[in-house]
Amino acid sequence: MQNGLCGTAKFIVGLAAGMAAGFAVGVTMAPSQRQLKRAAHQAAKRVNQMVEDLTDAIDL
């Protein structure tokens, strides 16, 4: 039974190490605040343009 507990402990340690590594990579790859603001601004512009196009089409 000793072997089973050791294997489980190794699995849990490996799982935790993998989660920590994934978190570290995710944090370093995350877009900057400026990129997020720019993307949000562009999306808002597109939505406004689509609303204008829709209102123009309805006015036909």
N, C-alpha and C. Protein backbone atom coordinates (compact mmCIF):
# COMPACT_ATOMS: atom_id res chain seq x y z
N MET A 1 0.83 -1.19 0.00
CA MET A 1 0.00 0.00 0.00
C MET A 1 0.87 1.26 0.00
N GLN A 2 2.07 1.11 0.49
CA GLN A 2 3.01 2.23 0.55
C GLN A 2 3.25 2.80 -0.84
N ASN A 3 3.35 1.95 -1.83
CA ASN A 3 3.61 2.37 -3.20
C ASN A 3 2.47 3.22 -3.74
N GLY A 4 1.23 2.87 -3.41
CA GLY A 4 0.06 3.60 -3.87
C GLY A 4 0.03 5.02 -3.31
N LEU A 5 0.37 5.17 -2.06
CA LEU A 5 0.39 6.50 -1.45
C LEU A 5 1.50 7.35 -2.05
N CYS A 6 2.63 6.75 -2.29
CA CYS A 6 3.76 7.48 -2.87
C CYS A 6 3.41 7.95 -4.28
N GLY A 7 2.75 7.08 -5.04
CA GLY A 7 2.34 7.44 -6.40
C GLY A 7 1.32 8.57 -6.39
N THR A 8 0.38 8.52 -5.45
CA THR A 8 -0.63 9.55 -5.33
C THR A 8 0.01 10.88 -4.95
N ALA A 9 0.95 10.84 -4.02
CA ALA A 9 1.64 12.06 -3.60
C ALA A 9 2.42 12.66 -4.77
N LYS A 10 3.07 11.80 -5.55
CA LYS A 10 3.81 12.29 -6.71
C LYS A 10 2.87 12.92 -7.72
N PHE A 11 1.70 12.30 -7.89
CA PHE A 11 0.71 12.84 -8.81
C PHE A 11 0.24 14.22 -8.36
N ILE A 12 -0.06 14.36 -7.08
CA ILE A 12 -0.55 15.64 -6.56
C ILE A 12 0.53 16.71 -6.67
N VAL A 13 1.77 16.35 -6.37
CA VAL A 13 2.88 17.31 -6.49
C VAL A 13 3.06 17.71 -7.96
N GLY A 14 2.98 16.74 -8.86
CA GLY A 14 3.10 17.04 -10.28
C GLY A 14 1.96 17.90 -10.77
N LEU A 15 0.75 17.63 -10.30
CA LEU A 15 -0.42 18.42 -10.66
C LEU A 15 -0.25 19.87 -10.21
N ALA A 16 0.19 20.05 -8.98
CA ALA A 16 0.40 21.40 -8.44
C ALA A 16 1.49 22.12 -9.22
N ALA A 17 2.56 21.41 -9.56
CA ALA A 17 3.65 22.03 -10.32
C ALA A 17 3.16 22.44 -11.71
N GLY A 18 2.36 21.60 -12.32
CA GLY A 18 1.81 21.92 -13.64
C GLY A 18 0.89 23.12 -13.59
N MET A 19 0.06 23.19 -12.55
CA MET A 19 -0.84 24.34 -12.41
C MET A 19 -0.04 25.62 -12.20
N ALA A 20 1.00 25.56 -11.39
CA ALA A 20 1.84 26.74 -11.15
C ALA A 20 2.53 27.18 -12.43
N ALA A 21 3.03 26.21 -13.20
CA ALA A 21 3.70 26.55 -14.45
C ALA A 21 2.70 27.14 -15.44
N GLY A 22 1.51 26.59 -15.51
CA GLY A 22 0.48 27.12 -16.40
C GLY A 22 0.08 28.53 -16.02
N PHE A 23 -0.04 28.78 -14.73
CA PHE A 23 -0.37 30.12 -14.26
C PHE A 23 0.72 31.11 -14.64
N ALA A 24 1.98 30.71 -14.46
CA ALA A 24 3.10 31.60 -14.77
C ALA A 24 3.14 31.93 -16.26
N VAL A 25 2.92 30.94 -17.09
CA VAL A 25 2.90 31.19 -18.54
C VAL A 25 1.72 32.06 -18.91
N GLY A 26 0.58 31.82 -18.31
CA GLY A 26 -0.61 32.62 -18.59
C GLY A 26 -0.43 34.07 -18.21
N VAL A 27 0.21 34.32 -17.10
CA VAL A 27 0.43 35.70 -16.65
C VAL A 27 1.39 36.42 -17.59
N THR A 28 2.43 35.73 -18.03
CA THR A 28 3.40 36.39 -18.90
C THR A 28 2.85 36.60 -20.31
N MET A 29 1.89 35.79 -20.73
CA MET A 29 1.33 35.90 -22.07
C MET A 29 0.10 36.80 -22.12
N ALA A 30 -0.38 37.24 -20.99
CA ALA A 30 -1.59 38.06 -20.95
C ALA A 30 -1.35 39.40 -21.65
N PRO A 31 -2.36 39.89 -22.37
CA PRO A 31 -2.19 41.17 -23.04
C PRO A 31 -2.07 42.32 -22.04
N SER A 32 -1.40 43.37 -22.47
CA SER A 32 -1.22 44.52 -21.59
C SER A 32 -2.53 45.28 -21.46
N GLN A 33 -2.59 46.17 -20.50
CA GLN A 33 -3.78 46.98 -20.26
C GLN A 33 -4.07 47.85 -21.49
N ARG A 34 -3.03 48.34 -22.13
CA ARG A 34 -3.21 49.19 -23.31
C ARG A 34 -3.84 48.40 -24.46
N GLN A 35 -3.39 47.16 -24.65
CA GLN A 35 -3.95 46.32 -25.70
C GLN A 35 -5.42 46.02 -25.44
N LEU A 36 -5.76 45.77 -24.18
CA LEU A 36 -7.16 45.50 -23.84
C LEU A 36 -8.03 46.72 -24.11
N LYS A 37 -7.55 47.90 -23.72
CA LYS A 37 -8.32 49.12 -23.94
C LYS A 37 -8.50 49.38 -25.43
N ARG A 38 -7.46 49.15 -26.21
CA ARG A 38 -7.53 49.38 -27.65
C ARG A 38 -8.54 48.42 -28.30
N ALA A 39 -8.50 47.16 -27.89
CA ALA A 39 -9.44 46.18 -28.43
C ALA A 39 -10.87 46.52 -28.06
N ALA A 40 -11.08 46.97 -26.84
CA ALA A 40 -12.42 47.36 -26.41
C ALA A 40 -12.92 48.57 -27.19
N HIS A 41 -12.02 49.52 -27.42
CA HIS A 41 -12.39 50.72 -28.18
C HIS A 41 -12.76 50.35 -29.61
N GLN A 42 -11.98 49.48 -30.23
CA GLN A 42 -12.28 49.06 -31.60
C GLN A 42 -13.60 48.30 -31.66
N ALA A 43 -13.86 47.46 -30.68
CA ALA A 43 -15.12 46.72 -30.65
C ALA A 43 -16.30 47.67 -30.50
N ALA A 44 -16.15 48.69 -29.65
CA ALA A 44 -17.22 49.66 -29.47
C ALA A 44 -17.48 50.44 -30.77
N LYS A 45 -16.42 50.78 -31.48
CA LYS A 45 -16.58 51.48 -32.75
C LYS A 45 -17.33 50.61 -33.75
N ARG A 46 -17.00 49.32 -33.79
CA ARG A 46 -17.68 48.41 -34.71
C ARG A 46 -19.16 48.27 -34.37
N VAL A 47 -19.46 48.18 -33.09
CA VAL A 47 -20.86 48.07 -32.67
C VAL A 47 -21.62 49.32 -33.05
N ASN A 48 -21.03 50.48 -32.82
CA ASN A 48 -21.69 51.74 -33.20
C ASN A 48 -21.93 51.80 -34.70
N GLN A 49 -20.96 51.36 -35.49
CA GLN A 49 -21.12 51.37 -36.94
C GLN A 49 -22.24 50.41 -37.37
N MET A 50 -22.30 49.25 -36.73
CA MET A 50 -23.35 48.29 -37.06
C MET A 50 -24.72 48.83 -36.70
N VAL A 51 -24.84 49.52 -35.58
CA VAL A 51 -26.12 50.11 -35.17
C VAL A 51 -26.52 51.18 -36.17
N GLU A 52 -25.58 52.00 -36.61
CA GLU A 52 -25.88 53.03 -37.62
C GLU A 52 -26.34 52.39 -38.92
N ASP A 53 -25.67 51.34 -39.34
CA ASP A 53 -26.05 50.64 -40.57
C ASP A 53 -27.45 50.05 -40.44
N LEU A 54 -27.75 49.48 -39.27
CA LEU A 54 -29.07 48.89 -39.06
C LEU A 54 -30.15 49.96 -39.08
N THR A 55 -29.91 51.10 -38.42
CA THR A 55 -30.92 52.16 -38.44
C THR A 55 -31.11 52.73 -39.84
N ASP A 56 -30.03 52.82 -40.60
CA ASP A 56 -30.15 53.27 -42.00
C ASP A 56 -30.96 52.28 -42.81
N ALA A 57 -30.76 51.00 -42.60
CA ALA A 57 -31.50 49.98 -43.34
C ALA A 57 -32.98 49.98 -42.98
N ILE A 58 -33.28 50.25 -41.73
CA ILE A 58 -34.68 50.29 -41.29
C ILE A 58 -35.39 51.51 -41.88
N ASP A 59 -34.68 52.60 -42.03
CA ASP A 59 -35.26 53.84 -42.56
C ASP A 59 -35.60 53.76 -44.03
N LEU A 60 -35.18 52.68 -44.72
CA LEU A 60 -35.49 52.55 -46.14
C LEU A 60 -36.97 52.58 -46.29
